[in-house]
PDB file of N, CA and C in Angstrom:
ATOM      1  N   MET A   1     111.152  80.504  86.172  1.00  0.00           N
ATOM      2  CA  MET A   1     110.257  80.621  87.305  1.00  0.00           C
ATOM      3  C   MET A   1     108.825  80.288  86.886  1.00  0.00           C
ATOM      4  N   LEU A   2     108.443  80.680  85.709  1.00  0.00           N
ATOM      5  CA  LEU A   2     107.078  80.409  85.278  1.00  0.00           C
ATOM      6  C   LEU A   2     106.793  78.919  85.206  1.00  0.00           C
ATOM      7  N   ASN A   3     107.822  78.104  84.985  1.00  0.00           N
ATOM      8  CA  ASN A   3     107.625  76.663  84.947  1.00  0.00           C
ATOM      9  C   ASN A   3     107.201  76.126  86.302  1.00  0.00           C
ATOM     10  N   GLU A   4     107.528  76.846  87.375  1.00  0.00           N
ATOM     11  CA  GLU A   4     107.147  76.419  88.716  1.00  0.00           C
ATOM     12  C   GLU A   4     105.659  76.610  88.959  1.00  0.00           C
ATOM     13  N   TRP A   5     105.030  77.487  88.220  1.00  0.00           N
ATOM     14  CA  TRP A   5     103.612  77.788  88.400  1.00  0.00           C
ATOM     15  C   TRP A   5     102.873  77.378  87.136  1.00  0.00           C
ATOM     16  N   ALA A   6     102.492  76.136  87.085  1.00  0.00           N
ATOM     17  CA  ALA A   6     101.868  75.602  85.880  1.00  0.00           C
ATOM     18  C   ALA A   6     100.562  76.325  85.530  1.00  0.00           C
ATOM     19  N   ASP A   7      99.870  76.842  86.533  1.00  0.00           N
ATOM     20  CA  ASP A   7      98.590  77.500  86.271  1.00  0.00           C
ATOM     21  C   ASP A   7      98.713  79.020  86.129  1.00  0.00           C
ATOM     22  N   PHE A   8      99.955  79.541  86.081  1.00  0.00           N
ATOM     23  CA  PHE A   8     100.159  80.983  85.932  1.00  0.00           C
ATOM     24  C   PHE A   8      99.730  81.429  84.543  1.00  0.00           C
ATOM     25  N   ASP A   9      98.977  82.502  84.496  1.00  0.00           N
ATOM     26  CA  ASP A   9      98.539  83.077  83.225  1.00  0.00           C
ATOM     27  C   ASP A   9      98.858  84.571  83.260  1.00  0.00           C
ATOM     28  N   GLU A  10      99.772  85.002  82.401  1.00  0.00           N
ATOM     29  CA  GLU A  10     100.184  86.407  82.420  1.00  0.00           C
ATOM     30  C   GLU A  10      99.024  87.353  82.146  1.00  0.00           C
ATOM     31  N   LEU A  11      97.982  86.888  81.508  1.00  0.00           N
ATOM     32  CA  LEU A  11      96.823  87.738  81.255  1.00  0.00           C
ATOM     33  C   LEU A  11      96.099  88.094  82.552  1.00  0.00           C
ATOM     34  N   GLU A  12      96.178  87.214  83.558  1.00  0.00           N
ATOM     35  CA  GLU A  12      95.496  87.455  84.822  1.00  0.00           C
ATOM     36  C   GLU A  12      96.157  88.556  85.640  1.00  0.00           C
ATOM     37  N   VAL A  13      97.421  88.809  85.425  1.00  0.00           N
ATOM     38  CA  VAL A  13      98.121  89.818  86.214  1.00  0.00           C
ATOM     39  C   VAL A  13      98.368  91.106  85.436  1.00  0.00           C
ATOM     40  N   GLY A  14      97.853  91.184  84.230  1.00  0.00           N
ATOM     41  CA  GLY A  14      97.882  92.437  83.493  1.00  0.00           C
ATOM     42  C   GLY A  14      99.159  92.753  82.746  1.00  0.00           C
ATOM     43  N   PHE A  15      99.999  91.759  82.477  1.00  0.00           N
ATOM     44  CA  PHE A  15     101.239  92.041  81.751  1.00  0.00           C
ATOM     45  C   PHE A  15     101.010  92.706  80.399  1.00  0.00           C
ATOM     46  N   PRO A  16     100.067  92.229  79.589  1.00  0.00           N
ATOM     47  CA  PRO A  16      99.858  92.897  78.294  1.00  0.00           C
ATOM     48  C   PRO A  16      99.432  94.364  78.456  1.00  0.00           C
ATOM     49  N   GLU A  17      98.592  94.640  79.445  1.00  0.00           N
ATOM     50  CA  GLU A  17      98.152  96.024  79.668  1.00  0.00           C
ATOM     51  C   GLU A  17      99.298  96.891  80.173  1.00  0.00           C
ATOM     52  N   GLN A  18     100.142  96.320  81.031  1.00  0.00           N
ATOM     53  CA  GLN A  18     101.300  97.071  81.512  1.00  0.00           C
ATOM     54  C   GLN A  18     102.237  97.407  80.357  1.00  0.00           C
ATOM     55  N   ARG A  19     102.440  96.456  79.462  1.00  0.00           N
ATOM     56  CA  ARG A  19     103.315  96.697  78.308  1.00  0.00           C
ATOM     57  C   ARG A  19     102.718  97.750  77.385  1.00  0.00           C
ATOM     58  N   ALA A  20     101.398  97.676  77.176  1.00  0.00           N
ATOM     59  CA  ALA A  20     100.736  98.662  76.319  1.00  0.00           C
ATOM     60  C   ALA A  20     100.870 100.062  76.921  1.00  0.00           C
ATOM     61  N   LEU A  21     100.711 100.177  78.235  1.00  0.00           N
ATOM     62  CA  LEU A  21     100.857 101.476  78.893  1.00  0.00           C
ATOM     63  C   LEU A  21     102.294 101.977  78.792  1.00  0.00           C
ATOM     64  N   PHE A  22     103.260 101.085  78.996  1.00  0.00           N
ATOM     65  CA  PHE A  22     104.669 101.450  78.854  1.00  0.00           C
ATOM     66  C   PHE A  22     104.941 101.976  77.450  1.00  0.00           C
ATOM     67  N   ASP A  23     104.462 101.256  76.443  1.00  0.00           N
ATOM     68  CA  ASP A  23     104.685 101.671  75.055  1.00  0.00           C
ATOM     69  C   ASP A  23     104.002 103.002  74.747  1.00  0.00           C
ATOM     70  N   LEU A  24     102.798 103.201  75.269  1.00  0.00           N
ATOM     71  CA  LEU A  24     102.081 104.455  75.047  1.00  0.00           C
ATOM     72  C   LEU A  24     102.829 105.628  75.674  1.00  0.00           C
ATOM     73  N   LEU A  25     103.254 105.472  76.926  1.00  0.00           N
ATOM     74  CA  LEU A  25     103.988 106.550  77.584  1.00  0.00           C
ATOM     75  C   LEU A  25     105.306 106.848  76.892  1.00  0.00           C
ATOM     76  N   THR A  26     105.965 105.809  76.426  1.00  0.00           N
ATOM     77  CA  THR A  26     107.215 106.003  75.681  1.00  0.00           C
ATOM     78  C   THR A  26     106.961 106.798  74.406  1.00  0.00           C
ATOM     79  N   ALA A  27     105.896 106.443  73.684  1.00  0.00           N
ATOM     80  CA  ALA A  27     105.564 107.153  72.443  1.00  0.00           C
ATOM     81  C   ALA A  27     105.179 108.603  72.720  1.00  0.00           C
ATOM     82  N   LEU A  28     104.407 108.837  73.764  1.00  0.00           N
ATOM     83  CA  LEU A  28     103.946 110.193  74.067  1.00  0.00           C
ATOM     84  C   LEU A  28     105.073 111.093  74.558  1.00  0.00           C
ATOM     85  N   ASN A  29     105.986 110.521  75.352  1.00  0.00           N
ATOM     86  CA  ASN A  29     107.040 111.327  75.974  1.00  0.00           C
ATOM     87  C   ASN A  29     108.371 111.282  75.235  1.00  0.00           C
ATOM     88  N   GLY A  30     108.495 110.384  74.269  1.00  0.00           N
ATOM     89  CA  GLY A  30     109.745 110.267  73.540  1.00  0.00           C
ATOM     90  C   GLY A  30     110.850 109.574  74.323  1.00  0.00           C
ATOM     91  N   ALA A  31     110.514 109.048  75.475  1.00  0.00           N
ATOM     92  CA  ALA A  31     111.472 108.320  76.306  1.00  0.00           C
ATOM     93  C   ALA A  31     110.686 107.359  77.185  1.00  0.00           C
ATOM     94  N   PRO A  32     111.285 106.252  77.554  1.00  0.00           N
ATOM     95  CA  PRO A  32     110.559 105.303  78.403  1.00  0.00           C
ATOM     96  C   PRO A  32     110.333 105.860  79.806  1.00  0.00           C
ATOM     97  N   PRO A  33     109.215 105.503  80.432  1.00  0.00           N
ATOM     98  CA  PRO A  33     108.974 105.942  81.811  1.00  0.00           C
ATOM     99  C   PRO A  33     109.887 105.185  82.769  1.00  0.00           C
ATOM    100  N   PRO A  34     110.093 105.732  83.951  1.00  0.00           N
ATOM    101  CA  PRO A  34     110.929 105.013  84.916  1.00  0.00           C
ATOM    102  C   PRO A  34     110.252 103.712  85.343  1.00  0.00           C
ATOM    103  N   VAL A  35     111.048 102.685  85.485  1.00  0.00           N
ATOM    104  CA  VAL A  35     110.576 101.388  85.955  1.00  0.00           C
ATOM    105  C   VAL A  35     111.514 100.949  87.066  1.00  0.00           C
ATOM    106  N   ILE A  36     110.955 100.538  88.181  1.00  0.00           N
ATOM    107  CA  ILE A  36     111.765 100.114  89.322  1.00  0.00           C
ATOM    108  C   ILE A  36     111.610  98.613  89.501  1.00  0.00           C
ATOM    109  N   ASP A  37     112.717  97.917  89.525  1.00  0.00           N
ATOM    110  CA  ASP A  37     112.729  96.482  89.785  1.00  0.00           C
ATOM    111  C   ASP A  37     112.588  96.268  91.287  1.00  0.00           C
ATOM    112  N   SER A  38     111.677  95.414  91.683  1.00  0.00           N
ATOM    113  CA  SER A  38     111.429  95.210  93.113  1.00  0.00           C
ATOM    114  C   SER A  38     112.659  94.677  93.846  1.00  0.00           C
ATOM    115  N   ASP A  39     113.471  93.861  93.189  1.00  0.00           N
ATOM    116  CA  ASP A  39     114.696  93.374  93.829  1.00  0.00           C
ATOM    117  C   ASP A  39     115.646  94.541  94.127  1.00  0.00           C
ATOM    118  N   ASP A  40     115.748  95.480  93.190  1.00  0.00           N
ATOM    119  CA  ASP A  40     116.592  96.659  93.416  1.00  0.00           C
ATOM    120  C   ASP A  40     116.043  97.499  94.564  1.00  0.00           C
ATOM    121  N   MET A  41     114.724  97.615  94.644  1.00  0.00           N
ATOM    122  CA  MET A  41     114.091  98.384  95.715  1.00  0.00           C
ATOM    123  C   MET A  41     114.398  97.767  97.076  1.00  0.00           C
ATOM    124  N   VAL A  42     114.332  96.441  97.150  1.00  0.00           N
ATOM    125  CA  VAL A  42     114.623  95.757  98.414  1.00  0.00           C
ATOM    126  C   VAL A  42     116.093  95.904  98.783  1.00  0.00           C
ATOM    127  N   GLU A  43     116.986  95.799  97.799  1.00  0.00           N
ATOM    128  CA  GLU A  43     118.425  95.874  98.069  1.00  0.00           C
ATOM    129  C   GLU A  43     118.883  97.270  98.484  1.00  0.00           C
ATOM    130  N   ASP A  44     118.347  98.309  97.842  1.00  0.00           N
ATOM    131  CA  ASP A  44     118.816  99.665  98.126  1.00  0.00           C
ATOM    132  C   ASP A  44     117.670 100.671  97.941  1.00  0.00           C
ATOM    133  N   PRO A  45     116.743 100.683  98.897  1.00  0.00           N
ATOM    134  CA  PRO A  45     115.566 101.555  98.736  1.00  0.00           C
ATOM    135  C   PRO A  45     115.915 103.039  98.613  1.00  0.00           C
ATOM    136  N   ASP A  46     116.896 103.507  99.369  1.00  0.00           N
ATOM    137  CA  ASP A  46     117.244 104.935  99.282  1.00  0.00           C
ATOM    138  C   ASP A  46     117.682 105.311  97.871  1.00  0.00           C
ATOM    139  N   ALA A  47     118.554 104.508  97.271  1.00  0.00           N
ATOM    140  CA  ALA A  47     119.038 104.806  95.925  1.00  0.00           C
ATOM    141  C   ALA A  47     117.913 104.726  94.895  1.00  0.00           C
ATOM    142  N   MET A  48     117.029 103.757  95.056  1.00  0.00           N
ATOM    143  CA  MET A  48     115.941 103.607  94.078  1.00  0.00           C
ATOM    144  C   MET A  48     114.945 104.758  94.169  1.00  0.00           C
ATOM    145  N   ILE A  49     114.604 105.152  95.382  1.00  0.00           N
ATOM    146  CA  ILE A  49     113.675 106.288  95.533  1.00  0.00           C
ATOM    147  C   ILE A  49     114.338 107.581  95.077  1.00  0.00           C
ATOM    148  N   ALA A  50     115.619 107.748  95.356  1.00  0.00           N
ATOM    149  CA  ALA A  50     116.336 108.938  94.881  1.00  0.00           C
ATOM    150  C   ALA A  50     116.343 108.979  93.359  1.00  0.00           C
ATOM    151  N   ALA A  51     116.590 107.844  92.718  1.00  0.00           N
ATOM    152  CA  ALA A  51     116.589 107.792  91.253  1.00  0.00           C
ATOM    153  C   ALA A  51     115.200 108.066  90.698  1.00  0.00           C
ATOM    154  N   PHE A  52     114.175 107.532  91.353  1.00  0.00           N
ATOM    155  CA  PHE A  52     112.795 107.783  90.908  1.00  0.00           C
ATOM    156  C   PHE A  52     112.470 109.275  91.024  1.00  0.00           C
ATOM    157  N   CYS A  53     112.807 109.858  92.157  1.00  0.00           N
ATOM    158  CA  CYS A  53     112.558 111.292  92.335  1.00  0.00           C
ATOM    159  C   CYS A  53     113.291 112.106  91.277  1.00  0.00           C
ATOM    160  N   ASP A  54     114.520 111.738  90.990  1.00  0.00           N
ATOM    161  CA  ASP A  54     115.296 112.436  89.969  1.00  0.00           C
ATOM    162  C   ASP A  54     114.621 112.318  88.604  1.00  0.00           C
ATOM    163  N   ALA A  55     114.029 111.159  88.331  1.00  0.00           N
ATOM    164  CA  ALA A  55     113.400 110.930  87.028  1.00  0.00           C
ATOM    165  C   ALA A  55     112.077 111.668  86.869  1.00  0.00           C
ATOM    166  N   VAL A  56     111.318 111.812  87.956  1.00  0.00           N
ATOM    167  CA  VAL A  56     109.979 112.387  87.812  1.00  0.00           C
ATOM    168  C   VAL A  56     109.809 113.761  88.427  1.00  0.00           C
ATOM    169  N   GLY A  57     110.796 114.235  89.206  1.00  0.00           N
ATOM    170  CA  GLY A  57     110.751 115.630  89.601  1.00  0.00           C
ATOM    171  C   GLY A  57     110.696 115.996  91.066  1.00  0.00           C
ATOM    172  N   PRO A  58     110.009 115.257  91.937  1.00  0.00           N
ATOM    173  CA  PRO A  58     109.969 115.733  93.321  1.00  0.00           C
ATOM    174  C   PRO A  58     111.335 115.575  93.988  1.00  0.00           C
ATOM    175  N   PRO A  59     111.610 116.399  94.988  1.00  0.00           N
ATOM    176  CA  PRO A  59     112.902 116.273  95.658  1.00  0.00           C
ATOM    177  C   PRO A  59     112.964 114.984  96.475  1.00  0.00           C
ATOM    178  N   PHE A  60     114.139 114.413  96.550  1.00  0.00           N
ATOM    179  CA  PHE A  60     114.358 113.263  97.421  1.00  0.00           C
ATOM    180  C   PHE A  60     114.625 113.783  98.818  1.00  0.00           C
ATOM    181  N   ILE A  61     113.872 113.312  99.787  1.00  0.00           N
ATOM    182  CA  ILE A  61     114.023 113.734 101.181  1.00  0.00           C
ATOM    183  C   ILE A  61     114.463 112.512 101.981  1.00  0.00           C
ATOM    184  N   PRO A  62     115.752 112.397 102.263  1.00  0.00           N
ATOM    185  CA  PRO A  62     116.259 111.207 102.968  1.00  0.00           C
ATOM    186  C   PRO A  62     115.533 110.919 104.279  1.00  0.00           C
ATOM    187  N   GLU A  63     115.115 111.986 104.969  1.00  0.00           N
ATOM    188  CA  GLU A  63     114.426 111.808 106.248  1.00  0.00           C
ATOM    189  C   GLU A  63     113.091 111.079 106.086  1.00  0.00           C
ATOM    190  N   ALA A  64     112.534 111.095 104.887  1.00  0.00           N
ATOM    191  CA  ALA A  64     111.251 110.435 104.651  1.00  0.00           C
ATOM    192  C   ALA A  64     111.403 108.920 104.507  1.00  0.00           C
ATOM    193  N   MET A  65     112.629 108.442 104.494  1.00  0.00           N
ATOM    194  CA  MET A  65     112.870 107.008 104.319  1.00  0.00           C
ATOM    195  C   MET A  65     112.841 106.232 105.630  1.00  0.00           C
ATOM    196  N   THR A  66     112.707 106.919 106.746  1.00  0.00           N
ATOM    197  CA  THR A  66     112.599 106.253 108.040  1.00  0.00           C
ATOM    198  C   THR A  66     111.482 106.905 108.832  1.00  0.00           C
ATOM    199  N   TRP A  67     110.879 106.138 109.707  1.00  0.00           N
ATOM    200  CA  TRP A  67     109.812 106.652 110.545  1.00  0.00           C
ATOM    201  C   TRP A  67     109.699 105.768 111.774  1.00  0.00           C
ATOM    202  N   GLU A  68     109.072 106.319 112.794  1.00  0.00           N
ATOM    203  CA  GLU A  68     108.875 105.592 114.037  1.00  0.00           C
ATOM    204  C   GLU A  68     107.742 104.580 113.850  1.00  0.00           C
ATOM    205  N   PRO A  69     107.912 103.393 114.417  1.00  0.00           N
ATOM    206  CA  PRO A  69     106.834 102.404 114.321  1.00  0.00           C
ATOM    207  C   PRO A  69     105.616 102.847 115.117  1.00  0.00           C
ATOM    208  N   GLY A  70     104.485 102.282 114.757  1.00  0.00           N
ATOM    209  CA  GLY A  70     103.259 102.575 115.488  1.00  0.00           C
ATOM    210  C   GLY A  70     102.421 103.589 114.752  1.00  0.00           C
ATOM    211  N   GLY A  71     101.657 104.321 115.509  1.00  0.00           N
ATOM    212  CA  GLY A  71     100.768 105.304 114.917  1.00  0.00           C
ATOM    213  C   GLY A  71      99.395 104.705 114.669  1.00  0.00           C
ATOM    214  N   ASP A  72      98.499 105.532 114.251  1.00  0.00           N
ATOM    215  CA  ASP A  72      97.122 105.131 113.993  1.00  0.00           C
ATOM    216  C   ASP A  72      96.968 104.827 112.506  1.00  0.00           C
ATOM    217  N   SER A  73      96.944 103.544 112.158  1.00  0.00           N
ATOM    218  CA  SER A  73      96.841 103.175 110.749  1.00  0.00           C
ATOM    219  C   SER A  73      95.529 103.610 110.123  1.00  0.00           C
ATOM    220  N   SER A  74      94.500 103.825 110.928  1.00  0.00           N
ATOM    221  CA  SER A  74      93.219 104.266 110.358  1.00  0.00           C
ATOM    222  C   SER A  74      93.311 105.682 109.826  1.00  0.00           C
ATOM    223  N   ALA A  75      94.305 106.454 110.282  1.00  0.00           N
ATOM    224  CA  ALA A  75      94.488 107.811 109.770  1.00  0.00           C
ATOM    225  C   ALA A  75      94.971 107.816 108.336  1.00  0.00           C
ATOM    226  N   HIS A  76      95.471 106.676 107.868  1.00  0.00           N
ATOM    227  CA  HIS A  76      96.015 106.586 106.508  1.00  0.00           C
ATOM    228  C   HIS A  76      95.281 105.549 105.679  1.00  0.00           C
ATOM    229  N   HIS A  77      94.113 105.204 106.087  1.00  0.00           N
ATOM    230  CA  HIS A  77      93.357 104.180 105.363  1.00  0.00           C
ATOM    231  C   HIS A  77      92.523 104.851 104.277  1.00  0.00           C
ATOM    232  N   TRP A  78      92.749 104.466 103.055  1.00  0.00           N
ATOM    233  CA  TRP A  78      91.961 105.028 101.974  1.00  0.00           C
ATOM    234  C   TRP A  78      91.198 103.938 101.309  1.00  0.00           C
TER     235      TRP A  78
END
């Protein structure tokens, strides 16, 4: 895929920093941190969020995976 983007530079998107953070967290915790592949998230979001919750501690709430469209987006603008 990288061959398709001749001007792609991994330094611009922070890959080295992400790897350094991954390695640091692994060293500090004695185990690698959870990493979610975006393709897996798109294919099965419920399973991926459940696995993430299991890995980091908060309960998985299936009802939180769906919501009604609409609402005031300015209420959640940070």
